[in-house]
C-alpha atoms as a PDB file:
ATOM      1  CA  UNK A   1      45.730 205.144 104.792  1.00  0.00           C
ATOM      2  CA  UNK A   2      46.589 207.346 101.839  1.00  0.00           C
ATOM      3  CA  UNK A   3      46.428 206.242  98.239  1.00  0.00           C
ATOM      4  CA  UNK A   4      43.473 204.742  96.371  1.00  0.00           C
ATOM      5  CA  UNK A   5      40.965 203.311  98.817  1.00  0.00           C
ATOM      6  CA  UNK A   6      37.790 201.264  98.744  1.00  0.00           C
ATOM      7  CA  UNK A   7      36.145 200.056 101.930  1.00  0.00           C
ATOM      8  CA  UNK A   8      34.725 196.788 100.601  1.00  0.00           C
ATOM      9  CA  UNK A   9      36.109 193.656  99.017  1.00  0.00           C
ATOM     10  CA  UNK A  10      35.909 193.761  95.240  1.00  0.00           C
ATOM     11  CA  UNK A  11      36.267 190.856  92.837  1.00  0.00           C
ATOM     12  CA  UNK A  12      37.341 190.156  89.293  1.00  0.00           C
ATOM     13  CA  UNK A  13      35.775 187.592  86.952  1.00  0.00           C
ATOM     14  CA  UNK A  14      37.104 184.064  87.535  1.00  0.00           C
ATOM     15  CA  UNK A  15      38.047 183.487  83.892  1.00  0.00           C
ATOM     16  CA  UNK A  16      41.652 182.988  82.870  1.00  0.00           C
ATOM     17  CA  UNK A  17      42.957 180.813  85.726  1.00  0.00           C
ATOM     18  CA  UNK A  18      44.481 177.331  85.557  1.00  0.00           C
ATOM     19  CA  UNK A  19      42.780 175.807  88.633  1.00  0.00           C
ATOM     20  CA  UNK A  20      39.263 175.411  90.012  1.00  0.00           C
ATOM     21  CA  UNK A  21      39.696 176.079  93.760  1.00  0.00           C
ATOM     22  CA  UNK A  22      39.239 179.788  93.073  1.00  0.00           C
ATOM     23  CA  UNK A  23      39.126 182.019  96.134  1.00  0.00           C
ATOM     24  CA  UNK A  24      40.008 179.201  98.539  1.00  0.00           C
ATOM     25  CA  UNK A  25      42.649 181.259 100.384  1.00  0.00           C
ATOM     26  CA  UNK A  26      40.003 183.702 101.595  1.00  0.00           C
ATOM     27  CA  UNK A  27      39.090 181.147 104.283  1.00  0.00           C
ATOM     28  CA  UNK A  28      41.324 180.266 107.242  1.00  0.00           C
ATOM     29  CA  UNK A  29      39.881 176.751 107.164  1.00  0.00           C
ATOM     30  CA  UNK A  30      41.733 176.051 103.938  1.00  0.00           C
ATOM     31  CA  UNK A  31      44.981 175.502 105.863  1.00  0.00           C
ATOM     32  CA  UNK A  32      43.507 172.535 107.741  1.00  0.00           C
ATOM     33  CA  UNK A  33      41.325 171.360 104.851  1.00  0.00           C
ATOM     34  CA  UNK A  34      43.035 172.135 101.514  1.00  0.00           C
ATOM     35  CA  UNK A  35      41.370 171.201  98.215  1.00  0.00           C
ATOM     36  CA  UNK A  36      42.164 167.661  96.983  1.00  0.00           C
ATOM     37  CA  UNK A  37      45.639 167.521  95.489  1.00  0.00           C
ATOM     38  CA  UNK A  38      46.745 170.861  96.984  1.00  0.00           C
ATOM     39  CA  UNK A  39      49.056 171.714  99.847  1.00  0.00           C
ATOM     40  CA  UNK A  40      48.240 174.729 102.017  1.00  0.00           C
ATOM     41  CA  UNK A  41      50.257 177.037 104.248  1.00  0.00           C
ATOM     42  CA  UNK A  42      49.821 180.186 106.313  1.00  0.00           C
ATOM     43  CA  UNK A  43      52.394 182.532 107.839  1.00  0.00           C
ATOM     44  CA  UNK A  44      51.817 185.654 109.928  1.00  0.00           C
ATOM     45  CA  UNK A  45      54.449 188.210 110.884  1.00  0.00           C
ATOM     46  CA  UNK A  46      54.391 191.518 112.748  1.00  0.00           C
ATOM     47  CA  UNK A  47      55.755 194.312 110.562  1.00  0.00           C
ATOM     48  CA  UNK A  48      55.560 197.179 113.031  1.00  0.00           C
ATOM     49  CA  UNK A  49      52.957 199.282 114.785  1.00  0.00           C
ATOM     50  CA  UNK A  50      50.999 202.473 114.310  1.00  0.00           C
ATOM     51  CA  UNK A  51      48.968 204.100 111.574  1.00  0.00           C
ATOM     52  CA  UNK A  52      51.999 205.344 109.649  1.00  0.00           C
ATOM     53  CA  UNK A  53      53.527 201.860 109.500  1.00  0.00           C
ATOM     54  CA  UNK A  54      50.188 200.492 108.283  1.00  0.00           C
ATOM     55  CA  UNK A  55      50.030 203.223 105.658  1.00  0.00           C
ATOM     56  CA  UNK A  56      53.566 202.692 104.347  1.00  0.00           C
ATOM     57  CA  UNK A  57      53.335 198.905 104.381  1.00  0.00           C
ATOM     58  CA  UNK A  58      49.925 199.049 102.716  1.00  0.00           C
ATOM     59  CA  UNK A  59      51.176 201.231  99.894  1.00  0.00           C
ATOM     60  CA  UNK A  60      54.107 198.875  99.344  1.00  0.00           C
ATOM     61  CA  UNK A  61      51.909 195.772  99.502  1.00  0.00           C
ATOM     62  CA  UNK A  62      49.396 197.131  96.992  1.00  0.00           C
ATOM     63  CA  UNK A  63      52.113 197.938  94.450  1.00  0.00           C
ATOM     64  CA  UNK A  64      53.646 194.411  94.469  1.00  0.00           C
ATOM     65  CA  UNK A  65      56.183 195.467  97.121  1.00  0.00           C
ATOM     66  CA  UNK A  66      56.094 192.252  99.188  1.00  0.00           C
ATOM     67  CA  UNK A  67      57.002 190.117  96.194  1.00  0.00           C
ATOM     68  CA  UNK A  68      59.711 192.475  94.979  1.00  0.00           C
ATOM     69  CA  UNK A  69      61.217 192.811  98.463  1.00  0.00           C
ATOM     70  CA  UNK A  70      61.329 189.006  98.670  1.00  0.00           C
ATOM     71  CA  UNK A  71      63.466 188.892  95.528  1.00  0.00           C
ATOM     72  CA  UNK A  72      60.841 188.306  92.855  1.00  0.00           C
ATOM     73  CA  UNK A  73      60.539 190.234  89.620  1.00  0.00           C
ATOM     74  CA  UNK A  74      57.060 191.451  88.734  1.00  0.00           C
ATOM     75  CA  UNK A  75      56.772 192.402  85.087  1.00  0.00           C
ATOM     76  CA  UNK A  76      54.191 193.006  82.378  1.00  0.00           C
ATOM     77  CA  UNK A  77      51.723 194.467  84.894  1.00  0.00           C
ATOM     78  CA  UNK A  78      48.414 195.221  83.222  1.00  0.00           C
ATOM     79  CA  UNK A  79      45.305 196.600  84.884  1.00  0.00           C
ATOM     80  CA  UNK A  80      41.829 195.548  83.871  1.00  0.00           C
ATOM     81  CA  UNK A  81      40.490 198.558  81.880  1.00  0.00           C
ATOM     82  CA  UNK A  82      37.176 198.442  83.752  1.00  0.00           C
ATOM     83  CA  UNK A  83      38.615 197.792  87.225  1.00  0.00           C
ATOM     84  CA  UNK A  84      36.369 199.067  90.003  1.00  0.00           C
ATOM     85  CA  UNK A  85      37.845 202.058  91.807  1.00  0.00           C
ATOM     86  CA  UNK A  86      36.624 204.529  94.454  1.00  0.00           C
ATOM     87  CA  UNK A  87      36.442 207.150  91.695  1.00  0.00           C
ATOM     88  CA  UNK A  88      34.588 205.203  89.014  1.00  0.00           C
ATOM     89  CA  UNK A  89      36.235 202.856  86.541  1.00  0.00           C
ATOM     90  CA  UNK A  90      39.715 202.470  85.153  1.00  0.00           C
ATOM     91  CA  UNK A  91      43.213 201.699  86.461  1.00  0.00           C
ATOM     92  CA  UNK A  92      44.459 203.378  89.641  1.00  0.00           C
ATOM     93  CA  UNK A  93      47.882 204.927  90.163  1.00  0.00           C
ATOM     94  CA  UNK A  94      49.805 206.484  93.030  1.00  0.00           C
ATOM     95  CA  UNK A  95      51.099 210.030  92.793  1.00  0.00           C
ATOM     96  CA  UNK A  96      54.331 208.859  91.113  1.00  0.00           C
ATOM     97  CA  UNK A  97      52.483 206.794  88.502  1.00  0.00           C
ATOM     98  CA  UNK A  98      52.972 203.405  90.192  1.00  0.00           C
ATOM     99  CA  UNK A  99      50.004 201.155  89.363  1.00  0.00           C
ATOM    100  CA  UNK A 100      47.848 200.186  92.358  1.00  0.00           C
ATOM    101  CA  UNK A 101      46.683 196.574  92.480  1.00  0.00           C
ATOM    102  CA  UNK A 102      43.083 196.230  91.335  1.00  0.00           C
ATOM    103  CA  UNK A 103      40.847 193.220  90.597  1.00  0.00           C
ATOM    104  CA  UNK A 104      41.571 191.651  87.233  1.00  0.00           C
ATOM    105  CA  UNK A 105      45.146 192.979  87.078  1.00  0.00           C
ATOM    106  CA  UNK A 106      47.590 190.542  85.488  1.00  0.00           C
ATOM    107  CA  UNK A 107      51.359 190.244  85.823  1.00  0.00           C
ATOM    108  CA  UNK A 108      54.218 187.848  85.220  1.00  0.00           C
ATOM    109  CA  UNK A 109      56.194 186.840  88.319  1.00  0.00           C
ATOM    110  CA  UNK A 110      59.742 185.523  88.022  1.00  0.00           C
ATOM    111  CA  UNK A 111      61.162 183.693  91.032  1.00  0.00           C
ATOM    112  CA  UNK A 112      64.811 183.785  92.169  1.00  0.00           C
ATOM    113  CA  UNK A 113      64.810 179.972  92.017  1.00  0.00           C
ATOM    114  CA  UNK A 114      63.130 177.908  89.322  1.00  0.00           C
ATOM    115  CA  UNK A 115      61.575 175.463  91.809  1.00  0.00           C
ATOM    116  CA  UNK A 116      59.728 178.303  93.572  1.00  0.00           C
ATOM    117  CA  UNK A 117      57.425 178.701  90.619  1.00  0.00           C
ATOM    118  CA  UNK A 118      57.079 181.565  88.212  1.00  0.00           C
ATOM    119  CA  UNK A 119      54.691 182.598  85.528  1.00  0.00           C
ATOM    120  CA  UNK A 120      51.556 184.584  84.763  1.00  0.00           C
ATOM    121  CA  UNK A 121      49.109 185.462  87.551  1.00  0.00           C
ATOM    122  CA  UNK A 122      45.843 187.341  87.945  1.00  0.00           C
ATOM    123  CA  UNK A 123      44.456 189.334  90.884  1.00  0.00           C
ATOM    124  CA  UNK A 124      41.167 187.732  91.944  1.00  0.00           C
ATOM    125  CA  UNK A 125      40.038 190.167  94.595  1.00  0.00           C
ATOM    126  CA  UNK A 126      41.088 193.152  96.671  1.00  0.00           C
ATOM    127  CA  UNK A 127      40.297 193.640 100.368  1.00  0.00           C
ATOM    128  CA  UNK A 128      40.192 197.296 101.405  1.00  0.00           C
ATOM    129  CA  UNK A 129      38.476 197.954 104.713  1.00  0.00           C
ATOM    130  CA  UNK A 130      39.315 200.006 107.801  1.00  0.00           C
ATOM    131  CA  UNK A 131      42.393 198.360 109.286  1.00  0.00           C
ATOM    132  CA  UNK A 132      42.606 195.655 106.573  1.00  0.00           C
ATOM    133  CA  UNK A 133      44.072 195.803 103.087  1.00  0.00           C
ATOM    134  CA  UNK A 134      45.356 193.149 100.711  1.00  0.00           C
ATOM    135  CA  UNK A 135      44.621 190.988  97.709  1.00  0.00           C
ATOM    136  CA  UNK A 136      44.390 187.439  96.380  1.00  0.00           C
ATOM    137  CA  UNK A 137      46.130 186.355  93.204  1.00  0.00           C
ATOM    138  CA  UNK A 138      46.036 183.066  91.324  1.00  0.00           C
ATOM    139  CA  UNK A 139      48.013 181.335  88.598  1.00  0.00           C
ATOM    140  CA  UNK A 140      47.047 181.549  84.947  1.00  0.00           C
ATOM    141  CA  UNK A 141      47.631 179.154  82.029  1.00  0.00           C
ATOM    142  CA  UNK A 142      51.359 178.946  81.356  1.00  0.00           C
ATOM    143  CA  UNK A 143      52.258 178.893  85.058  1.00  0.00           C
ATOM    144  CA  UNK A 144      54.176 175.696  86.006  1.00  0.00           C
ATOM    145  CA  UNK A 145      51.893 175.053  88.980  1.00  0.00           C
ATOM    146  CA  UNK A 146      48.358 175.741  90.134  1.00  0.00           C
ATOM    147  CA  UNK A 147      48.504 178.116  93.067  1.00  0.00           C
ATOM    148  CA  UNK A 148      46.724 180.913  94.864  1.00  0.00           C
ATOM    149  CA  UNK A 149      47.976 183.312  97.481  1.00  0.00           C
ATOM    150  CA  UNK A 150      46.378 185.789  99.891  1.00  0.00           C
ATOM    151  CA  UNK A 151      48.466 188.697 101.199  1.00  0.00           C
ATOM    152  CA  UNK A 152      46.625 190.607 103.924  1.00  0.00           C
ATOM    153  CA  UNK A 153      47.848 193.511 106.057  1.00  0.00           C
ATOM    154  CA  UNK A 154      45.987 194.274 109.301  1.00  0.00           C
ATOM    155  CA  UNK A 155      46.168 197.098 111.838  1.00  0.00           C
ATOM    156  CA  UNK A 156      44.864 195.508 115.042  1.00  0.00           C
ATOM    157  CA  UNK A 157      43.251 197.061 118.106  1.00  0.00           C
ATOM    158  CA  UNK A 158      46.540 196.941 120.060  1.00  0.00           C
ATOM    159  CA  UNK A 159      48.094 199.179 117.331  1.00  0.00           C
ATOM    160  CA  UNK A 160      50.202 196.340 115.899  1.00  0.00           C
ATOM    161  CA  UNK A 161      50.550 195.845 112.146  1.00  0.00           C
ATOM    162  CA  UNK A 162      50.556 192.251 110.894  1.00  0.00           C
ATOM    163  CA  UNK A 163      50.978 190.688 107.458  1.00  0.00           C
ATOM    164  CA  UNK A 164      49.412 187.298 106.755  1.00  0.00           C
ATOM    165  CA  UNK A 165      50.256 185.155 103.738  1.00  0.00           C
ATOM    166  CA  UNK A 166      47.994 182.170 103.063  1.00  0.00           C
ATOM    167  CA  UNK A 167      48.529 179.916 100.042  1.00  0.00           C
ATOM    168  CA  UNK A 168      47.504 176.759  98.249  1.00  0.00           C
ATOM    169  CA  UNK A 169      49.666 175.026  95.661  1.00  0.00           C
ATOM    170  CA  UNK A 170      49.456 172.025  93.371  1.00  0.00           C
ATOM    171  CA  UNK A 171      51.657 170.508  90.716  1.00  0.00           C
ATOM    172  CA  UNK A 172      55.054 172.184  90.984  1.00  0.00           C
ATOM    173  CA  UNK A 173      56.620 169.421  93.077  1.00  0.00           C
ATOM    174  CA  UNK A 174      56.223 166.731  90.443  1.00  0.00           C
ATOM    175  CA  UNK A 175      57.898 168.923  87.843  1.00  0.00           C
ATOM    176  CA  UNK A 176      61.031 169.075  90.004  1.00  0.00           C
ATOM    177  CA  UNK A 177      60.910 165.539  91.372  1.00  0.00           C
ATOM    178  CA  UNK A 178      59.761 166.656  94.828  1.00  0.00           C
ATOM    179  CA  UNK A 179      57.489 164.743  97.181  1.00  0.00           C
ATOM    180  CA  UNK A 180      54.552 166.253  99.058  1.00  0.00           C
ATOM    181  CA  UNK A 181      56.549 166.947 102.236  1.00  0.00           C
ATOM    182  CA  UNK A 182      59.275 168.754 100.281  1.00  0.00           C
ATOM    183  CA  UNK A 183      56.665 170.846  98.473  1.00  0.00           C
ATOM    184  CA  UNK A 184      55.045 171.799 101.788  1.00  0.00           C
ATOM    185  CA  UNK A 185      58.412 172.803 103.266  1.00  0.00           C
ATOM    186  CA  UNK A 186      59.370 174.980 100.308  1.00  0.00           C
ATOM    187  CA  UNK A 187      55.912 176.501 100.171  1.00  0.00           C
ATOM    188  CA  UNK A 188      56.111 177.477 103.837  1.00  0.00           C
ATOM    189  CA  UNK A 189      59.607 178.933 103.440  1.00  0.00           C
ATOM    190  CA  UNK A 190      58.481 180.980 100.461  1.00  0.00           C
ATOM    191  CA  UNK A 191      55.457 182.329 102.331  1.00  0.00           C
ATOM    192  CA  UNK A 192      57.656 183.159 105.337  1.00  0.00           C
ATOM    193  CA  UNK A 193      59.975 185.138 103.066  1.00  0.00           C
ATOM    194  CA  UNK A 194      57.034 187.049 101.619  1.00  0.00           C
ATOM    195  CA  UNK A 195      55.506 187.760 104.998  1.00  0.00           C
ATOM    196  CA  UNK A 196      58.775 189.168 106.341  1.00  0.00           C
ATOM    197  CA  UNK A 197      59.487 191.228 103.237  1.00  0.00           C
ATOM    198  CA  UNK A 198      57.503 194.257 104.406  1.00  0.00           C
ATOM    199  CA  UNK A 199      59.329 194.539 107.709  1.00  0.00           C
ATOM    200  CA  UNK A 200      60.911 198.008 108.154  1.00  0.00           C
ATOM    201  CA  UNK A 201      64.387 196.430 108.106  1.00  0.00           C
ATOM    202  CA  UNK A 202      63.786 195.522 104.462  1.00  0.00           C
ATOM    203  CA  UNK A 203      62.419 198.894 103.395  1.00  0.00           C
ATOM    204  CA  UNK A 204      64.229 200.699 100.634  1.00  0.00           C
END
């Protein structure tokens, strides 16, 4: 895959988040056993096949492309000045100047619908290994809910390319008068929209 690469998972400090279940989405078990008070969801969708598809989808994913393709606005993107990179320290950029997601990066996400949640987030960790690339972000103070989301792209042995979105969420339902079941349904629909956003049919 072209673009900035690092073949290990790297992490940012846990400070600056509005919840305590930090890093929970890294485990598949979290879907069956979410933290108390949270709902959890996971969606997985095939977005093509081959190394080129993995490369293109990976570049889009690591520049906030899944969220933007799903209709979200991602603004006020700021990289951690001392973010770990394959070339030392400092923010990473693609050839055209687009910032590459790195641990500690912050942004403000605006949703198409108010009840889908919007607000400030922080990148907790980045996964960058052969055949696997993605990141985890979590909500910061000022976000209407407490949530965390993993977006992971994988190039499997059968040459397929899959995107997995795994999330936990707490709090937003009460703000909009929604019960637990309604929150779970909307959470799953949102994750499904994100996971399908990198499909070639949605490419610019």
